[in-house]
PDB file of N, CA and C in Angstrom:
ATOM      1  N   MET A   1     -39.104 -26.242 -77.173  1.00  0.00           N
ATOM      2  CA  MET A   1     -37.811 -26.845 -77.377  1.00  0.00           C
ATOM      3  C   MET A   1     -37.944 -27.894 -78.479  1.00  0.00           C
ATOM      4  N   LYS A   2     -37.047 -27.870 -79.416  1.00  0.00           N
ATOM      5  CA  LYS A   2     -37.029 -28.840 -80.508  1.00  0.00           C
ATOM      6  C   LYS A   2     -36.095 -29.991 -80.147  1.00  0.00           C
ATOM      7  N   SER A   3     -36.380 -31.163 -80.710  1.00  0.00           N
ATOM      8  CA  SER A   3     -35.495 -32.292 -80.463  1.00  0.00           C
ATOM      9  C   SER A   3     -35.382 -33.160 -81.715  1.00  0.00           C
ATOM     10  N   ILE A   4     -34.319 -33.953 -81.736  1.00  0.00           N
ATOM     11  CA  ILE A   4     -34.144 -34.932 -82.808  1.00  0.00           C
ATOM     12  C   ILE A   4     -34.403 -36.342 -82.269  1.00  0.00           C
ATOM     13  N   LEU A   5     -35.177 -36.411 -81.207  1.00  0.00           N
ATOM     14  CA  LEU A   5     -35.434 -37.687 -80.546  1.00  0.00           C
ATOM     15  C   LEU A   5     -36.051 -38.704 -81.500  1.00  0.00           C
ATOM     16  N   ARG A   6     -37.040 -38.298 -82.276  1.00  0.00           N
ATOM     17  CA  ARG A   6     -37.687 -39.231 -83.207  1.00  0.00           C
ATOM     18  C   ARG A   6     -36.665 -39.813 -84.186  1.00  0.00           C
ATOM     19  N   GLU A   7     -35.791 -38.969 -84.729  1.00  0.00           N
ATOM     20  CA  GLU A   7     -34.783 -39.445 -85.675  1.00  0.00           C
ATOM     21  C   GLU A   7     -33.831 -40.442 -85.017  1.00  0.00           C
ATOM     22  N   LEU A   8     -33.380 -40.116 -83.810  1.00  0.00           N
ATOM     23  CA  LEU A   8     -32.468 -41.017 -83.098  1.00  0.00           C
ATOM     24  C   LEU A   8     -33.138 -42.357 -82.807  1.00  0.00           C
ATOM     25  N   ARG A   9     -34.380 -42.289 -82.391  1.00  0.00           N
ATOM     26  CA  ARG A   9     -35.118 -43.518 -82.058  1.00  0.00           C
ATOM     27  C   ARG A   9     -35.330 -44.378 -83.298  1.00  0.00           C
ATOM     28  N   THR A  10     -35.774 -43.781 -84.394  1.00  0.00           N
ATOM     29  CA  THR A  10     -36.071 -44.564 -85.597  1.00  0.00           C
ATOM     30  C   THR A  10     -34.801 -45.110 -86.244  1.00  0.00           C
ATOM     31  N   GLU A  11     -33.676 -44.393 -86.112  1.00  0.00           N
ATOM     32  CA  GLU A  11     -32.396 -44.919 -86.615  1.00  0.00           C
ATOM     33  C   GLU A  11     -32.066 -46.262 -85.975  1.00  0.00           C
ATOM     34  N   ARG A  12     -32.468 -46.435 -84.747  1.00  0.00           N
ATOM     35  CA  ARG A  12     -32.194 -47.683 -84.021  1.00  0.00           C
ATOM     36  C   ARG A  12     -33.305 -48.715 -84.175  1.00  0.00           C
ATOM     37  N   GLY A  13     -34.383 -48.314 -84.837  1.00  0.00           N
ATOM     38  CA  GLY A  13     -35.490 -49.246 -85.033  1.00  0.00           C
ATOM     39  C   GLY A  13     -36.318 -49.479 -83.783  1.00  0.00           C
ATOM     40  N   TRP A  14     -36.274 -48.532 -82.855  1.00  0.00           N
ATOM     41  CA  TRP A  14     -37.004 -48.667 -81.600  1.00  0.00           C
ATOM     42  C   TRP A  14     -38.391 -48.059 -81.722  1.00  0.00           C
ATOM     43  N   SER A  15     -39.339 -48.673 -81.064  1.00  0.00           N
ATOM     44  CA  SER A  15     -40.677 -48.094 -80.961  1.00  0.00           C
ATOM     45  C   SER A  15     -40.668 -47.054 -79.835  1.00  0.00           C
ATOM     46  N   GLN A  16     -41.698 -46.237 -79.819  1.00  0.00           N
ATOM     47  CA  GLN A  16     -41.838 -45.291 -78.708  1.00  0.00           C
ATOM     48  C   GLN A  16     -41.975 -46.046 -77.395  1.00  0.00           C
ATOM     49  N   ALA A  17     -42.680 -47.166 -77.428  1.00  0.00           N
ATOM     50  CA  ALA A  17     -42.885 -47.961 -76.208  1.00  0.00           C
ATOM     51  C   ALA A  17     -41.555 -48.504 -75.692  1.00  0.00           C
ATOM     52  N   HIS A  18     -40.685 -48.965 -76.592  1.00  0.00           N
ATOM     53  CA  HIS A  18     -39.390 -49.493 -76.161  1.00  0.00           C
ATOM     54  C   HIS A  18     -38.547 -48.403 -75.518  1.00  0.00           C
ATOM     55  N   LEU A  19     -38.484 -47.234 -76.164  1.00  0.00           N
ATOM     56  CA  LEU A  19     -37.726 -46.125 -75.585  1.00  0.00           C
ATOM     57  C   LEU A  19     -38.322 -45.710 -74.249  1.00  0.00           C
ATOM     58  N   ALA A  20     -39.637 -45.675 -74.164  1.00  0.00           N
ATOM     59  CA  ALA A  20     -40.300 -45.325 -72.909  1.00  0.00           C
ATOM     60  C   ALA A  20     -39.905 -46.302 -71.802  1.00  0.00           C
ATOM     61  N   ASP A  21     -39.845 -47.589 -72.133  1.00  0.00           N
ATOM     62  CA  ASP A  21     -39.423 -48.586 -71.144  1.00  0.00           C
ATOM     63  C   ASP A  21     -37.991 -48.328 -70.676  1.00  0.00           C
ATOM     64  N   LEU A  22     -37.108 -48.012 -71.616  1.00  0.00           N
ATOM     65  CA  LEU A  22     -35.719 -47.738 -71.252  1.00  0.00           C
ATOM     66  C   LEU A  22     -35.610 -46.515 -70.337  1.00  0.00           C
ATOM     67  N   LEU A  23     -36.463 -45.527 -70.592  1.00  0.00           N
ATOM     68  CA  LEU A  23     -36.427 -44.286 -69.815  1.00  0.00           C
ATOM     69  C   LEU A  23     -37.307 -44.328 -68.565  1.00  0.00           C
ATOM     70  N   GLU A  24     -38.106 -45.383 -68.450  1.00  0.00           N
ATOM     71  CA  GLU A  24     -39.049 -45.530 -67.341  1.00  0.00           C
ATOM     72  C   GLU A  24     -40.052 -44.389 -67.306  1.00  0.00           C
ATOM     73  N   VAL A  25     -40.586 -44.073 -68.494  1.00  0.00           N
ATOM     74  CA  VAL A  25     -41.658 -43.089 -68.646  1.00  0.00           C
ATOM     75  C   VAL A  25     -42.738 -43.727 -69.515  1.00  0.00           C
ATOM     76  N   SER A  26     -43.832 -43.026 -69.710  1.00  0.00           N
ATOM     77  CA  SER A  26     -44.899 -43.565 -70.557  1.00  0.00           C
ATOM     78  C   SER A  26     -44.591 -43.327 -72.036  1.00  0.00           C
ATOM     79  N   ARG A  27     -45.209 -44.112 -72.891  1.00  0.00           N
ATOM     80  CA  ARG A  27     -45.083 -43.919 -74.333  1.00  0.00           C
ATOM     81  C   ARG A  27     -45.595 -42.534 -74.712  1.00  0.00           C
ATOM     82  N   GLN A  28     -46.634 -42.081 -74.012  1.00  0.00           N
ATOM     83  CA  GLN A  28     -47.201 -40.769 -74.284  1.00  0.00           C
ATOM     84  C   GLN A  28     -46.180 -39.657 -74.014  1.00  0.00           C
ATOM     85  N   THR A  29     -45.341 -39.849 -73.010  1.00  0.00           N
ATOM     86  CA  THR A  29     -44.296 -38.871 -72.713  1.00  0.00           C
ATOM     87  C   THR A  29     -43.295 -38.799 -73.857  1.00  0.00           C
ATOM     88  N   VAL A  30     -42.879 -39.950 -74.354  1.00  0.00           N
ATOM     89  CA  VAL A  30     -41.953 -39.973 -75.496  1.00  0.00           C
ATOM     90  C   VAL A  30     -42.594 -39.283 -76.695  1.00  0.00           C
ATOM     91  N   ASN A  31     -43.856 -39.596 -76.957  1.00  0.00           N
ATOM     92  CA  ASN A  31     -44.559 -38.970 -78.074  1.00  0.00           C
ATOM     93  C   ASN A  31     -44.617 -37.456 -77.906  1.00  0.00           C
ATOM     94  N   ALA A  32     -44.918 -36.998 -76.706  1.00  0.00           N
ATOM     95  CA  ALA A  32     -45.030 -35.561 -76.453  1.00  0.00           C
ATOM     96  C   ALA A  32     -43.692 -34.852 -76.636  1.00  0.00           C
ATOM     97  N   ILE A  33     -42.602 -35.491 -76.245  1.00  0.00           N
ATOM     98  CA  ILE A  33     -41.278 -34.893 -76.449  1.00  0.00           C
ATOM     99  C   ILE A  33     -40.973 -34.832 -77.949  1.00  0.00           C
ATOM    100  N   GLU A  34     -41.262 -35.918 -78.657  1.00  0.00           N
ATOM    101  CA  GLU A  34     -40.987 -35.970 -80.095  1.00  0.00           C
ATOM    102  C   GLU A  34     -41.792 -34.945 -80.888  1.00  0.00           C
ATOM    103  N   THR A  35     -42.974 -34.631 -80.432  1.00  0.00           N
ATOM    104  CA  THR A  35     -43.829 -33.674 -81.151  1.00  0.00           C
ATOM    105  C   THR A  35     -43.730 -32.267 -80.555  1.00  0.00           C
ATOM    106  N   ASP A  36     -42.717 -32.057 -79.713  1.00  0.00           N
ATOM    107  CA  ASP A  36     -42.422 -30.746 -79.126  1.00  0.00           C
ATOM    108  C   ASP A  36     -43.572 -30.176 -78.297  1.00  0.00           C
ATOM    109  N   ARG A  37     -44.385 -31.056 -77.706  1.00  0.00           N
ATOM    110  CA  ARG A  37     -45.466 -30.604 -76.831  1.00  0.00           C
ATOM    111  C   ARG A  37     -45.057 -30.635 -75.360  1.00  0.00           C
ATOM    112  N   TYR A  38     -43.888 -31.243 -75.078  1.00  0.00           N
ATOM    113  CA  TYR A  38     -43.453 -31.402 -73.694  1.00  0.00           C
ATOM    114  C   TYR A  38     -41.941 -31.259 -73.651  1.00  0.00           C
ATOM    115  N   ASP A  39     -41.452 -30.429 -72.752  1.00  0.00           N
ATOM    116  CA  ASP A  39     -40.016 -30.302 -72.520  1.00  0.00           C
ATOM    117  C   ASP A  39     -39.653 -31.228 -71.370  1.00  0.00           C
ATOM    118  N   PRO A  40     -38.710 -32.137 -71.602  1.00  0.00           N
ATOM    119  CA  PRO A  40     -38.357 -33.081 -70.536  1.00  0.00           C
ATOM    120  C   PRO A  40     -37.672 -32.377 -69.370  1.00  0.00           C
ATOM    121  N   SER A  41     -37.811 -32.971 -68.202  1.00  0.00           N
ATOM    122  CA  SER A  41     -37.076 -32.476 -67.039  1.00  0.00           C
ATOM    123  C   SER A  41     -35.578 -32.666 -67.310  1.00  0.00           C
ATOM    124  N   LEU A  42     -34.761 -31.980 -66.553  1.00  0.00           N
ATOM    125  CA  LEU A  42     -33.316 -32.109 -66.739  1.00  0.00           C
ATOM    126  C   LEU A  42     -32.841 -33.550 -66.513  1.00  0.00           C
ATOM    127  N   PRO A  43     -33.294 -34.241 -65.454  1.00  0.00           N
ATOM    128  CA  PRO A  43     -32.874 -35.639 -65.296  1.00  0.00           C
ATOM    129  C   PRO A  43     -33.301 -36.519 -66.478  1.00  0.00           C
ATOM    130  N   LEU A  44     -34.494 -36.285 -67.017  1.00  0.00           N
ATOM    131  CA  LEU A  44     -34.946 -37.069 -68.167  1.00  0.00           C
ATOM    132  C   LEU A  44     -34.113 -36.733 -69.399  1.00  0.00           C
ATOM    133  N   ALA A  45     -33.791 -35.467 -69.598  1.00  0.00           N
ATOM    134  CA  ALA A  45     -32.944 -35.073 -70.727  1.00  0.00           C
ATOM    135  C   ALA A  45     -31.567 -35.732 -70.619  1.00  0.00           C
ATOM    136  N   PHE A  46     -31.009 -35.781 -69.416  1.00  0.00           N
ATOM    137  CA  PHE A  46     -29.726 -36.456 -69.214  1.00  0.00           C
ATOM    138  C   PHE A  46     -29.843 -37.951 -69.512  1.00  0.00           C
ATOM    139  N   ALA A  47     -30.948 -38.574 -69.109  1.00  0.00           N
ATOM    140  CA  ALA A  47     -31.159 -39.997 -69.377  1.00  0.00           C
ATOM    141  C   ALA A  47     -31.242 -40.259 -70.881  1.00  0.00           C
ATOM    142  N   ILE A  48     -31.943 -39.397 -71.597  1.00  0.00           N
ATOM    143  CA  ILE A  48     -32.045 -39.533 -73.050  1.00  0.00           C
ATOM    144  C   ILE A  48     -30.658 -39.396 -73.680  1.00  0.00           C
ATOM    145  N   ALA A  49     -29.913 -38.390 -73.264  1.00  0.00           N
ATOM    146  CA  ALA A  49     -28.563 -38.182 -73.792  1.00  0.00           C
ATOM    147  C   ALA A  49     -27.679 -39.390 -73.521  1.00  0.00           C
ATOM    148  N   HIS A  50     -27.805 -39.962 -72.339  1.00  0.00           N
ATOM    149  CA  HIS A  50     -27.005 -41.138 -71.979  1.00  0.00           C
ATOM    150  C   HIS A  50     -27.352 -42.334 -72.867  1.00  0.00           C
ATOM    151  N   ILE A  51     -28.633 -42.583 -73.067  1.00  0.00           N
ATOM    152  CA  ILE A  51     -29.064 -43.722 -73.885  1.00  0.00           C
ATOM    153  C   ILE A  51     -28.531 -43.612 -75.307  1.00  0.00           C
ATOM    154  N   PHE A  52     -28.538 -42.402 -75.854  1.00  0.00           N
ATOM    155  CA  PHE A  52     -28.089 -42.219 -77.230  1.00  0.00           C
ATOM    156  C   PHE A  52     -26.619 -41.814 -77.333  1.00  0.00           C
ATOM    157  N   ALA A  53     -25.934 -41.701 -76.206  1.00  0.00           N
ATOM    158  CA  ALA A  53     -24.504 -41.368 -76.157  1.00  0.00           C
ATOM    159  C   ALA A  53     -24.196 -40.097 -76.941  1.00  0.00           C
ATOM    160  N   LYS A  54     -25.006 -39.078 -76.693  1.00  0.00           N
ATOM    161  CA  LYS A  54     -24.833 -37.786 -77.349  1.00  0.00           C
ATOM    162  C   LYS A  54     -24.985 -36.686 -76.304  1.00  0.00           C
ATOM    163  N   PRO A  55     -24.369 -35.536 -76.542  1.00  0.00           N
ATOM    164  CA  PRO A  55     -24.580 -34.399 -75.629  1.00  0.00           C
ATOM    165  C   PRO A  55     -26.026 -33.915 -75.701  1.00  0.00           C
ATOM    166  N   ILE A  56     -26.532 -33.435 -74.596  1.00  0.00           N
ATOM    167  CA  ILE A  56     -27.898 -32.907 -74.552  1.00  0.00           C
ATOM    168  C   ILE A  56     -28.098 -31.851 -75.639  1.00  0.00           C
ATOM    169  N   GLU A  57     -27.100 -30.991 -75.814  1.00  0.00           N
ATOM    170  CA  GLU A  57     -27.212 -29.899 -76.782  1.00  0.00           C
ATOM    171  C   GLU A  57     -27.401 -30.403 -78.214  1.00  0.00           C
ATOM    172  N   GLU A  58     -26.927 -31.618 -78.486  1.00  0.00           N
ATOM    173  CA  GLU A  58     -27.079 -32.187 -79.823  1.00  0.00           C
ATOM    174  C   GLU A  58     -28.489 -32.743 -80.034  1.00  0.00           C
ATOM    175  N   ILE A  59     -29.156 -33.115 -78.968  1.00  0.00           N
ATOM    176  CA  ILE A  59     -30.501 -33.703 -79.063  1.00  0.00           C
ATOM    177  C   ILE A  59     -31.577 -32.633 -78.966  1.00  0.00           C
ATOM    178  N   PHE A  60     -31.383 -31.659 -78.093  1.00  0.00           N
ATOM    179  CA  PHE A  60     -32.384 -30.627 -77.843  1.00  0.00           C
ATOM    180  C   PHE A  60     -31.861 -29.253 -78.211  1.00  0.00           C
ATOM    181  N   SER A  61     -32.727 -28.440 -78.799  1.00  0.00           N
ATOM    182  CA  SER A  61     -32.351 -27.063 -79.128  1.00  0.00           C
ATOM    183  C   SER A  61     -33.556 -26.153 -78.874  1.00  0.00           C
ATOM    184  N   ILE A  62     -33.264 -24.889 -78.693  1.00  0.00           N
ATOM    185  CA  ILE A  62     -34.322 -23.914 -78.425  1.00  0.00           C
ATOM    186  C   ILE A  62     -34.918 -23.422 -79.723  1.00  0.00           C
TER     187      ILE A  62
END
């Protein structure tokens, strides 16, 4: 699964650690999602969409 998470995060000037804190996950999890090595669970995908105020489909694609 591809994502634009890195672009969204850097647009806001957030570090991976800051986003991880907001999502209550590890920095490594954020890194793995950004590098397409890990597909987030549905609840985590919803949390990411909520933080960035975007539909899940706009952030993640197959």
